[in-house]
Amino acid sequence: VKETQKVLDYIGEARRRGLSVIFITHNLYHVYPVSD
C-alpha cells in the first residue's frame, strides 16, 4: 500500500513536469485518484 502511493505520487509529479501519462491497470482503486 505504501509503495503504491509513492508510485501514484510519481505519476502526479510527471504531470506537474508537463508530461502525459497512460496508466494501464486492472486496479480501479489505483488508477481512479490520479487520472484526468
PDB file of all heavy atoms in Angstrom:
ATOM      1  N   VAL A   1       0.836  -1.204   0.000  1.00  0.00           N
ATOM      2  CA  VAL A   1       0.000   0.000   0.000  1.00  0.00           C
ATOM      3  C   VAL A   1       0.872   1.256   0.000  1.00  0.00           C
ATOM      4  O   VAL A   1       0.624   2.207  -0.754  1.00  0.00           O
ATOM      5  CB  VAL A   1      -0.939  -0.003   1.219  1.00  0.00           C
ATOM      6  CG1 VAL A   1      -1.689   1.328   1.330  1.00  0.00           C
ATOM      7  CG2 VAL A   1      -1.926  -1.160   1.126  1.00  0.00           C
ATOM      8  N   LYS A   2       1.910   1.274   0.832  1.00  0.00           N
ATOM      9  CA  LYS A   2       2.780   2.441   0.929  1.00  0.00           C
ATOM     10  C   LYS A   2       3.531   2.675  -0.380  1.00  0.00           C
ATOM     11  O   LYS A   2       3.640   3.817  -0.857  1.00  0.00           O
ATOM     12  CB  LYS A   2       3.759   2.256   2.080  1.00  0.00           C
ATOM     13  CG  LYS A   2       4.639   3.464   2.355  1.00  0.00           C
ATOM     14  CD  LYS A   2       5.499   3.239   3.582  1.00  0.00           C
ATOM     15  CE  LYS A   2       6.379   4.445   3.880  1.00  0.00           C
ATOM     16  NZ  LYS A   2       7.223   4.220   5.086  1.00  0.00           N
ATOM     17  N   GLU A   3       4.062   1.610  -0.976  1.00  0.00           N
ATOM     18  CA  GLU A   3       4.798   1.763  -2.221  1.00  0.00           C
ATOM     19  C   GLU A   3       3.876   2.166  -3.370  1.00  0.00           C
ATOM     20  O   GLU A   3       4.262   2.942  -4.245  1.00  0.00           O
ATOM     21  CB  GLU A   3       5.525   0.463  -2.560  1.00  0.00           C
ATOM     22  CG  GLU A   3       6.707   0.181  -1.652  1.00  0.00           C
ATOM     23  CD  GLU A   3       7.535  -0.973  -2.160  1.00  0.00           C
ATOM     24  OE1 GLU A   3       6.941  -1.968  -2.630  1.00  0.00           O
ATOM     25  OE2 GLU A   3       8.773  -0.883  -2.086  1.00  0.00           O
ATOM     26  N   THR A   4       2.653   1.641  -3.358  1.00  0.00           N
ATOM     27  CA  THR A   4       1.685   2.034  -4.376  1.00  0.00           C
ATOM     28  C   THR A   4       1.429   3.532  -4.328  1.00  0.00           C
ATOM     29  O   THR A   4       1.415   4.211  -5.368  1.00  0.00           O
ATOM     30  CB  THR A   4       0.363   1.271  -4.175  1.00  0.00           C
ATOM     31  OG1 THR A   4       0.587  -0.116  -4.460  1.00  0.00           O
ATOM     32  CG2 THR A   4      -0.723   1.802  -5.092  1.00  0.00           C
ATOM     33  N   GLN A   5       1.258   4.073  -3.129  1.00  0.00           N
ATOM     34  CA  GLN A   5       1.002   5.513  -3.005  1.00  0.00           C
ATOM     35  C   GLN A   5       2.181   6.317  -3.525  1.00  0.00           C
ATOM     36  O   GLN A   5       1.999   7.368  -4.168  1.00  0.00           O
ATOM     37  CB  GLN A   5       0.721   5.882  -1.551  1.00  0.00           C
ATOM     38  CG  GLN A   5       0.303   7.338  -1.371  1.00  0.00           C
ATOM     39  CD  GLN A   5      -0.886   7.716  -2.226  1.00  0.00           C
ATOM     40  OE1 GLN A   5      -1.927   7.075  -2.171  1.00  0.00           O
ATOM     41  NE2 GLN A   5      -0.738   8.761  -3.041  1.00  0.00           N
ATOM     42  N   LYS A   6       3.395   5.838  -3.285  1.00  0.00           N
ATOM     43  CA  LYS A   6       4.573   6.524  -3.812  1.00  0.00           C
ATOM     44  C   LYS A   6       4.549   6.570  -5.340  1.00  0.00           C
ATOM     45  O   LYS A   6       4.819   7.610  -5.953  1.00  0.00           O
ATOM     46  CB  LYS A   6       5.852   5.830  -3.329  1.00  0.00           C
ATOM     47  CG  LYS A   6       6.281   6.220  -1.930  1.00  0.00           C
ATOM     48  CD  LYS A   6       6.844   7.630  -1.920  1.00  0.00           C
ATOM     49  CE  LYS A   6       7.512   7.970  -0.599  1.00  0.00           C
ATOM     50  NZ  LYS A   6       7.994   9.382  -0.591  1.00  0.00           N
ATOM     51  N   VAL A   7       4.233   5.433  -5.965  1.00  0.00           N
ATOM     52  CA  VAL A   7       4.190   5.393  -7.430  1.00  0.00           C
ATOM     53  C   VAL A   7       3.112   6.336  -7.948  1.00  0.00           C
ATOM     54  O   VAL A   7       3.309   7.051  -8.944  1.00  0.00           O
ATOM     55  CB  VAL A   7       3.957   3.953  -7.923  1.00  0.00           C
ATOM     56  CG1 VAL A   7       3.676   3.930  -9.427  1.00  0.00           C
ATOM     57  CG2 VAL A   7       5.188   3.093  -7.622  1.00  0.00           C
ATOM     58  N   LEU A   8       1.961   6.385  -7.273  1.00  0.00           N
ATOM     59  CA  LEU A   8       0.912   7.325  -7.682  1.00  0.00           C
ATOM     60  C   LEU A   8       1.393   8.768  -7.544  1.00  0.00           C
ATOM     61  O   LEU A   8       1.064   9.624  -8.370  1.00  0.00           O
ATOM     62  CB  LEU A   8      -0.355   7.088  -6.863  1.00  0.00           C
ATOM     63  CG  LEU A   8      -0.980   5.693  -6.974  1.00  0.00           C
ATOM     64  CD1 LEU A   8      -2.269   5.617  -6.164  1.00  0.00           C
ATOM     65  CD2 LEU A   8      -1.230   5.297  -8.417  1.00  0.00           C
ATOM     66  N   ASP A   9       2.200   9.029  -6.516  1.00  0.00           N
ATOM     67  CA  ASP A   9       2.783  10.370  -6.357  1.00  0.00           C
ATOM     68  C   ASP A   9       3.726  10.693  -7.521  1.00  0.00           C
ATOM     69  O   ASP A   9       3.765  11.835  -8.005  1.00  0.00           O
ATOM     70  CB  ASP A   9       3.543  10.475  -5.040  1.00  0.00           C
ATOM     71  CG  ASP A   9       2.635  10.455  -3.822  1.00  0.00           C
ATOM     72  OD1 ASP A   9       1.416  10.684  -3.977  1.00  0.00           O
ATOM     73  OD2 ASP A   9       3.146  10.185  -2.712  1.00  0.00           O
ATOM     74  N   TYR A  10       4.504   9.700  -7.982  1.00  0.00           N
ATOM     75  CA  TYR A  10       5.419   9.937  -9.098  1.00  0.00           C
ATOM     76  C   TYR A  10       4.636  10.272 -10.363  1.00  0.00           C
ATOM     77  O   TYR A  10       5.086  11.093 -11.189  1.00  0.00           O
ATOM     78  CB  TYR A  10       6.304   8.712  -9.367  1.00  0.00           C
ATOM     79  CG  TYR A  10       7.068   8.209  -8.187  1.00  0.00           C
ATOM     80  CD1 TYR A  10       7.355   6.849  -8.041  1.00  0.00           C
ATOM     81  CD2 TYR A  10       7.513   9.070  -7.186  1.00  0.00           C
ATOM     82  CE1 TYR A  10       8.051   6.377  -6.955  1.00  0.00           C
ATOM     83  CE2 TYR A  10       8.212   8.596  -6.091  1.00  0.00           C
ATOM     84  CZ  TYR A  10       8.470   7.241  -5.983  1.00  0.00           C
ATOM     85  OH  TYR A  10       9.153   6.768  -4.892  1.00  0.00           O
ATOM     86  N   ILE A  11       3.474   9.649 -10.537  1.00  0.00           N
ATOM     87  CA  ILE A  11       2.643   9.952 -11.703  1.00  0.00           C
ATOM     88  C   ILE A  11       2.184  11.410 -11.650  1.00  0.00           C
ATOM     89  O   ILE A  11       2.212  12.130 -12.645  1.00  0.00           O
ATOM     90  CB  ILE A  11       1.448   8.983 -11.769  1.00  0.00           C
ATOM     91  CG1 ILE A  11       1.955   7.563 -12.055  1.00  0.00           C
ATOM     92  CG2 ILE A  11       0.449   9.427 -12.834  1.00  0.00           C
ATOM     93  CD1 ILE A  11       0.883   6.495 -11.939  1.00  0.00           C
ATOM     94  N   GLY A  12       1.780  11.851 -10.460  1.00  0.00           N
ATOM     95  CA  GLY A  12       1.406  13.254 -10.310  1.00  0.00           C
ATOM     96  C   GLY A  12       2.565  14.188 -10.586  1.00  0.00           C
ATOM     97  O   GLY A  12       2.393  15.252 -11.200  1.00  0.00           O
ATOM     98  N   GLU A  13       3.754  13.802 -10.159  1.00  0.00           N
ATOM     99  CA  GLU A  13       4.938  14.625 -10.403  1.00  0.00           C
ATOM    100  C   GLU A  13       5.249  14.699 -11.896  1.00  0.00           C
ATOM    101  O   GLU A  13       5.639  15.755 -12.415  1.00  0.00           O
ATOM    102  CB  GLU A  13       6.137  14.052  -9.650  1.00  0.00           C
ATOM    103  CG  GLU A  13       7.446  14.810  -9.847  1.00  0.00           C
ATOM    104  CD  GLU A  13       7.396  16.245  -9.344  1.00  0.00           C
ATOM    105  OE1 GLU A  13       6.563  16.554  -8.458  1.00  0.00           O
ATOM    106  OE2 GLU A  13       8.191  17.064  -9.836  1.00  0.00           O
ATOM    107  N   ALA A  14       5.059  13.590 -12.612  1.00  0.00           N
ATOM    108  CA  ALA A  14       5.277  13.601 -14.063  1.00  0.00           C
ATOM    109  C   ALA A  14       4.339  14.595 -14.741  1.00  0.00           C
ATOM    110  O   ALA A  14       4.746  15.371 -15.604  1.00  0.00           O
ATOM    111  CB  ALA A  14       5.076  12.200 -14.637  1.00  0.00           C
ATOM    112  N   ARG A  15       3.069  14.614 -14.324  1.00  0.00           N
ATOM    113  CA  ARG A  15       2.120  15.563 -14.895  1.00  0.00           C
ATOM    114  C   ARG A  15       2.539  16.994 -14.580  1.00  0.00           C
ATOM    115  O   ARG A  15       2.483  17.873 -15.437  1.00  0.00           O
ATOM    116  CB  ARG A  15       0.718  15.301 -14.372  1.00  0.00           C
ATOM    117  CG  ARG A  15      -0.330  16.198 -15.026  1.00  0.00           C
ATOM    118  CD  ARG A  15      -1.500  16.482 -14.129  1.00  0.00           C
ATOM    119  NE  ARG A  15      -2.448  15.417 -14.081  1.00  0.00           N
ATOM    120  CZ  ARG A  15      -2.774  14.768 -12.962  1.00  0.00           C
ATOM    121  NH1 ARG A  15      -2.176  15.060 -11.825  1.00  0.00           N
ATOM    122  NH2 ARG A  15      -3.690  13.836 -12.968  1.00  0.00           N
ATOM    123  N   ARG A  16       2.967  17.235 -13.332  1.00  0.00           N
ATOM    124  CA  ARG A  16       3.383  18.592 -12.955  1.00  0.00           C
ATOM    125  C   ARG A  16       4.573  19.062 -13.775  1.00  0.00           C
ATOM    126  O   ARG A  16       4.743  20.262 -14.008  1.00  0.00           O
ATOM    127  CB  ARG A  16       3.717  18.645 -11.456  1.00  0.00           C
ATOM    128  CG  ARG A  16       2.489  18.651 -10.555  1.00  0.00           C
ATOM    129  CD  ARG A  16       2.849  18.917  -9.116  1.00  0.00           C
ATOM    130  NE  ARG A  16       3.577  17.815  -8.510  1.00  0.00           N
ATOM    131  CZ  ARG A  16       2.995  16.754  -7.951  1.00  0.00           C
ATOM    132  NH1 ARG A  16       1.675  16.655  -7.929  1.00  0.00           N
ATOM    133  NH2 ARG A  16       3.723  15.801  -7.409  1.00  0.00           N
ATOM    134  N   ARG A  17       5.401  18.132 -14.210  1.00  0.00           N
ATOM    135  CA  ARG A  17       6.559  18.483 -15.032  1.00  0.00           C
ATOM    136  C   ARG A  17       6.201  18.638 -16.509  1.00  0.00           C
ATOM    137  O   ARG A  17       7.079  18.831 -17.339  1.00  0.00           O
ATOM    138  CB  ARG A  17       7.645  17.424 -14.870  1.00  0.00           C
ATOM    139  CG  ARG A  17       8.335  17.474 -13.523  1.00  0.00           C
ATOM    140  CD  ARG A  17       9.215  16.242 -13.311  1.00  0.00           C
ATOM    141  NE  ARG A  17       9.989  16.375 -12.092  1.00  0.00           N
ATOM    142  CZ  ARG A  17      11.278  16.681 -12.051  1.00  0.00           C
ATOM    143  NH1 ARG A  17      11.931  16.897 -13.175  1.00  0.00           N
ATOM    144  NH2 ARG A  17      11.921  16.772 -10.913  1.00  0.00           N
ATOM    145  N   GLY A  18       4.921  18.507 -16.847  1.00  0.00           N
ATOM    146  CA  GLY A  18       4.484  18.737 -18.212  1.00  0.00           C
ATOM    147  C   GLY A  18       4.371  17.497 -19.060  1.00  0.00           C
ATOM    148  O   GLY A  18       4.126  17.589 -20.269  1.00  0.00           O
ATOM    149  N   LEU A  19       4.532  16.311 -18.467  1.00  0.00           N
ATOM    150  CA  LEU A  19       4.439  15.076 -19.221  1.00  0.00           C
ATOM    151  C   LEU A  19       3.008  14.565 -19.234  1.00  0.00           C
ATOM    152  O   LEU A  19       2.189  14.912 -18.383  1.00  0.00           O
ATOM    153  CB  LEU A  19       5.353  14.004 -18.616  1.00  0.00           C
ATOM    154  CG  LEU A  19       6.834  14.074 -18.965  1.00  0.00           C
ATOM    155  CD1 LEU A  19       7.496  15.302 -18.380  1.00  0.00           C
ATOM    156  CD2 LEU A  19       7.557  12.820 -18.450  1.00  0.00           C
ATOM    157  N   SER A  20       2.706  13.718 -20.205  1.00  0.00           N
ATOM    158  CA  SER A  20       1.443  12.988 -20.263  1.00  0.00           C
ATOM    159  C   SER A  20       1.709  11.543 -19.869  1.00  0.00           C
ATOM    160  O   SER A  20       2.828  11.034 -20.045  1.00  0.00           O
ATOM    161  CB  SER A  20       0.839  13.052 -21.663  1.00  0.00           C
ATOM    162  OG  SER A  20       0.608  14.400 -22.037  1.00  0.00           O
ATOM    163  N   VAL A  21       0.677  10.883 -19.344  1.00  0.00           N
ATOM    164  CA  VAL A  21       0.832   9.515 -18.845  1.00  0.00           C
ATOM    165  C   VAL A  21      -0.370   8.681 -19.271  1.00  0.00           C
ATOM    166  O   VAL A  21      -1.519   9.139 -19.175  1.00  0.00           O
ATOM    167  CB  VAL A  21       0.945   9.485 -17.300  1.00  0.00           C
ATOM    168  CG1 VAL A  21       1.067   8.043 -16.799  1.00  0.00           C
ATOM    169  CG2 VAL A  21       2.117  10.317 -16.812  1.00  0.00           C
ATOM    170  N   ILE A  22      -0.106   7.474 -19.757  1.00  0.00           N
ATOM    171  CA  ILE A  22      -1.140   6.451 -19.913  1.00  0.00           C
ATOM    172  C   ILE A  22      -0.869   5.395 -18.847  1.00  0.00           C
ATOM    173  O   ILE A  22       0.212   4.819 -18.793  1.00  0.00           O
ATOM    174  CB  ILE A  22      -1.122   5.811 -21.315  1.00  0.00           C
ATOM    175  CG1 ILE A  22      -1.354   6.867 -22.401  1.00  0.00           C
ATOM    176  CG2 ILE A  22      -2.182   4.713 -21.413  1.00  0.00           C
ATOM    177  CD1 ILE A  22      -1.186   6.321 -23.821  1.00  0.00           C
ATOM    178  N   PHE A  23      -1.832   5.165 -18.000  1.00  0.00           N
ATOM    179  CA  PHE A  23      -1.703   4.278 -16.841  1.00  0.00           C
ATOM    180  C   PHE A  23      -2.599   3.064 -17.091  1.00  0.00           C
ATOM    181  O   PHE A  23      -3.823   3.149 -17.034  1.00  0.00           O
ATOM    182  CB  PHE A  23      -2.143   5.054 -15.596  1.00  0.00           C
ATOM    183  CG  PHE A  23      -2.060   4.333 -14.277  1.00  0.00           C
ATOM    184  CD1 PHE A  23      -2.344   5.022 -13.107  1.00  0.00           C
ATOM    185  CD2 PHE A  23      -1.703   3.007 -14.173  1.00  0.00           C
ATOM    186  CE1 PHE A  23      -2.278   4.399 -11.869  1.00  0.00           C
ATOM    187  CE2 PHE A  23      -1.635   2.359 -12.950  1.00  0.00           C
ATOM    188  CZ  PHE A  23      -1.932   3.059 -11.798  1.00  0.00           C
ATOM    189  N   ILE A  24      -1.969   1.918 -17.392  1.00  0.00           N
ATOM    190  CA  ILE A  24      -2.698   0.684 -17.673  1.00  0.00           C
ATOM    191  C   ILE A  24      -2.751  -0.146 -16.389  1.00  0.00           C
ATOM    192  O   ILE A  24      -1.712  -0.397 -15.765  1.00  0.00           O
ATOM    193  CB  ILE A  24      -1.986  -0.135 -18.767  1.00  0.00           C
ATOM    194  CG1 ILE A  24      -1.689   0.729 -19.979  1.00  0.00           C
ATOM    195  CG2 ILE A  24      -2.804  -1.356 -19.156  1.00  0.00           C
ATOM    196  CD1 ILE A  24      -0.562   0.212 -20.812  1.00  0.00           C
ATOM    197  N   THR A  25      -3.944  -0.581 -16.020  1.00  0.00           N
ATOM    198  CA  THR A  25      -4.047  -1.344 -14.778  1.00  0.00           C
ATOM    199  C   THR A  25      -5.359  -2.101 -14.731  1.00  0.00           C
ATOM    200  O   THR A  25      -6.320  -1.784 -15.442  1.00  0.00           O
ATOM    201  CB  THR A  25      -3.948  -0.407 -13.554  1.00  0.00           C
ATOM    202  OG1 THR A  25      -3.949  -1.182 -12.351  1.00  0.00           O
ATOM    203  CG2 THR A  25      -5.117   0.561 -13.505  1.00  0.00           C
ATOM    204  N   HIS A  26      -5.383  -3.135 -13.865  1.00  0.00           N
ATOM    205  CA  HIS A  26      -6.628  -3.816 -13.521  1.00  0.00           C
ATOM    206  C   HIS A  26      -7.245  -3.201 -12.269  1.00  0.00           C
ATOM    207  O   HIS A  26      -8.402  -3.480 -11.950  1.00  0.00           O
ATOM    208  CB  HIS A  26      -6.361  -5.299 -13.246  1.00  0.00           C
ATOM    209  CG  HIS A  26      -6.040  -6.098 -14.465  1.00  0.00           C
ATOM    210  ND1 HIS A  26      -4.774  -6.192 -14.986  1.00  0.00           N
ATOM    211  CD2 HIS A  26      -6.833  -6.833 -15.277  1.00  0.00           C
ATOM    212  CE1 HIS A  26      -4.800  -6.968 -16.057  1.00  0.00           C
ATOM    213  NE2 HIS A  26      -6.037  -7.372 -16.256  1.00  0.00           N
ATOM    214  N   ASN A  27      -6.475  -2.399 -11.548  1.00  0.00           N
ATOM    215  CA  ASN A  27      -6.909  -1.924 -10.239  1.00  0.00           C
ATOM    216  C   ASN A  27      -7.525  -0.530 -10.351  1.00  0.00           C
ATOM    217  O   ASN A  27      -6.829   0.472 -10.438  1.00  0.00           O
ATOM    218  CB  ASN A  27      -5.729  -1.905  -9.261  1.00  0.00           C
ATOM    219  CG  ASN A  27      -6.194  -1.761  -7.825  1.00  0.00           C
ATOM    220  OD1 ASN A  27      -7.056  -0.948  -7.523  1.00  0.00           O
ATOM    221  ND2 ASN A  27      -5.616  -2.552  -6.932  1.00  0.00           N
ATOM    222  N   LEU A  28      -8.839  -0.490 -10.341  1.00  0.00           N
ATOM    223  CA  LEU A  28      -9.530   0.794 -10.487  1.00  0.00           C
ATOM    224  C   LEU A  28      -9.268   1.722  -9.318  1.00  0.00           C
ATOM    225  O   LEU A  28      -9.268   2.950  -9.468  1.00  0.00           O
ATOM    226  CB  LEU A  28     -11.030   0.554 -10.628  1.00  0.00           C
ATOM    227  CG  LEU A  28     -11.466  -0.229 -11.869  1.00  0.00           C
ATOM    228  CD1 LEU A  28     -12.965  -0.500 -11.823  1.00  0.00           C
ATOM    229  CD2 LEU A  28     -11.091   0.511 -13.145  1.00  0.00           C
ATOM    230  N   TYR A  29      -9.026   1.158  -8.128  1.00  0.00           N
ATOM    231  CA  TYR A  29      -8.798   1.988  -6.948  1.00  0.00           C
ATOM    232  C   TYR A  29      -7.433   2.681  -7.000  1.00  0.00           C
ATOM    233  O   TYR A  29      -7.219   3.670  -6.310  1.00  0.00           O
ATOM    234  CB  TYR A  29      -8.928   1.151  -5.675  1.00  0.00           C
ATOM    235  CG  TYR A  29     -10.346   0.699  -5.446  1.00  0.00           C
ATOM    236  CD1 TYR A  29     -10.788  -0.517  -5.955  1.00  0.00           C
ATOM    237  CD2 TYR A  29     -11.255   1.503  -4.773  1.00  0.00           C
ATOM    238  CE1 TYR A  29     -12.098  -0.922  -5.773  1.00  0.00           C
ATOM    239  CE2 TYR A  29     -12.567   1.102  -4.584  1.00  0.00           C
ATOM    240  CZ  TYR A  29     -12.990  -0.110  -5.089  1.00  0.00           C
ATOM    241  OH  TYR A  29     -14.289  -0.511  -4.919  1.00  0.00           O
ATOM    242  N   HIS A  30      -6.523   2.170  -7.814  1.00  0.00           N
ATOM    243  CA  HIS A  30      -5.236   2.827  -8.001  1.00  0.00           C
ATOM    244  C   HIS A  30      -5.319   3.894  -9.093  1.00  0.00           C
ATOM    245  O   HIS A  30      -4.786   4.994  -8.940  1.00  0.00           O
ATOM    246  CB  HIS A  30      -4.159   1.802  -8.377  1.00  0.00           C
ATOM    247  CG  HIS A  30      -3.822   0.864  -7.270  1.00  0.00           C
ATOM    248  ND1 HIS A  30      -2.980  -0.232  -7.434  1.00  0.00           N
ATOM    249  CD2 HIS A  30      -4.208   0.834  -5.966  1.00  0.00           C
ATOM    250  CE1 HIS A  30      -2.881  -0.883  -6.285  1.00  0.00           C
ATOM    251  NE2 HIS A  30      -3.611  -0.250  -5.384  1.00  0.00           N
ATOM    252  N   VAL A  31      -5.969   3.572 -10.195  1.00  0.00           N
ATOM    253  CA  VAL A  31      -5.962   4.478 -11.342  1.00  0.00           C
ATOM    254  C   VAL A  31      -6.917   5.657 -11.145  1.00  0.00           C
ATOM    255  O   VAL A  31      -6.653   6.766 -11.637  1.00  0.00           O
ATOM    256  CB  VAL A  31      -6.305   3.707 -12.641  1.00  0.00           C
ATOM    257  CG1 VAL A  31      -7.770   3.307 -12.698  1.00  0.00           C
ATOM    258  CG2 VAL A  31      -5.912   4.503 -13.875  1.00  0.00           C
ATOM    259  N   TYR A  32      -8.003   5.439 -10.436  1.00  0.00           N
ATOM    260  CA  TYR A  32      -9.053   6.463 -10.351  1.00  0.00           C
ATOM    261  C   TYR A  32      -8.557   7.782  -9.741  1.00  0.00           C
ATOM    262  O   TYR A  32      -8.807   8.852 -10.307  1.00  0.00           O
ATOM    263  CB  TYR A  32     -10.240   5.913  -9.568  1.00  0.00           C
ATOM    264  CG  TYR A  32     -11.459   6.810  -9.576  1.00  0.00           C
ATOM    265  CD1 TYR A  32     -12.368   6.765 -10.629  1.00  0.00           C
ATOM    266  CD2 TYR A  32     -11.696   7.697  -8.538  1.00  0.00           C
ATOM    267  CE1 TYR A  32     -13.489   7.589 -10.646  1.00  0.00           C
ATOM    268  CE2 TYR A  32     -12.812   8.523  -8.544  1.00  0.00           C
ATOM    269  CZ  TYR A  32     -13.696   8.469  -9.594  1.00  0.00           C
ATOM    270  OH  TYR A  32     -14.799   9.289  -9.611  1.00  0.00           O
ATOM    271  N   PRO A  33      -7.843   7.782  -8.602  1.00  0.00           N
ATOM    272  CA  PRO A  33      -7.492   9.066  -7.979  1.00  0.00           C
ATOM    273  C   PRO A  33      -6.542   9.938  -8.794  1.00  0.00           C
ATOM    274  O   PRO A  33      -6.547  11.157  -8.636  1.00  0.00           O
ATOM    275  CB  PRO A  33      -6.839   8.650  -6.649  1.00  0.00           C
ATOM    276  CG  PRO A  33      -7.263   7.250  -6.414  1.00  0.00           C
ATOM    277  CD  PRO A  33      -7.418   6.644  -7.765  1.00  0.00           C
ATOM    278  N   VAL A  34      -5.706   9.326  -9.643  1.00  0.00           N
ATOM    279  CA  VAL A  34      -4.664  10.104 -10.330  1.00  0.00           C
ATOM    280  C   VAL A  34      -5.006  10.418 -11.778  1.00  0.00           C
ATOM    281  O   VAL A  34      -4.271  11.160 -12.439  1.00  0.00           O
ATOM    282  CB  VAL A  34      -3.300   9.375 -10.277  1.00  0.00           C
ATOM    283  CG1 VAL A  34      -2.830   9.232  -8.849  1.00  0.00           C
ATOM    284  CG2 VAL A  34      -3.368   8.021 -10.971  1.00  0.00           C
ATOM    285  N   SER A  35      -6.106   9.876 -12.298  1.00  0.00           N
ATOM    286  CA  SER A  35      -6.422  10.038 -13.717  1.00  0.00           C
ATOM    287  C   SER A  35      -7.264  11.283 -13.960  1.00  0.00           C
ATOM    288  O   SER A  35      -8.142  11.617 -13.169  1.00  0.00           O
ATOM    289  CB  SER A  35      -7.168   8.807 -14.248  1.00  0.00           C
ATOM    290  OG  SER A  35      -6.342   7.666 -14.227  1.00  0.00           O
ATOM    291  N   ASP A  36      -7.002  11.958 -15.066  1.00  0.00           N
ATOM    292  CA  ASP A  36      -7.882  13.017 -15.543  1.00  0.00           C
ATOM    293  C   ASP A  36      -9.055  12.417 -16.323  1.00  0.00           C
ATOM    294  O   ASP A  36     -10.163  12.957 -16.302  1.00  0.00           O
ATOM    295  CB  ASP A  36      -7.115  13.971 -16.454  1.00  0.00           C
ATOM    296  CG  ASP A  36      -5.959  14.637 -15.733  1.00  0.00           C
ATOM    297  OD1 ASP A  36      -6.204  15.340 -14.741  1.00  0.00           O
ATOM    298  OD2 ASP A  36      -4.804  14.432 -16.156  1.00  0.00           O
TER     299      ASP A  36
END
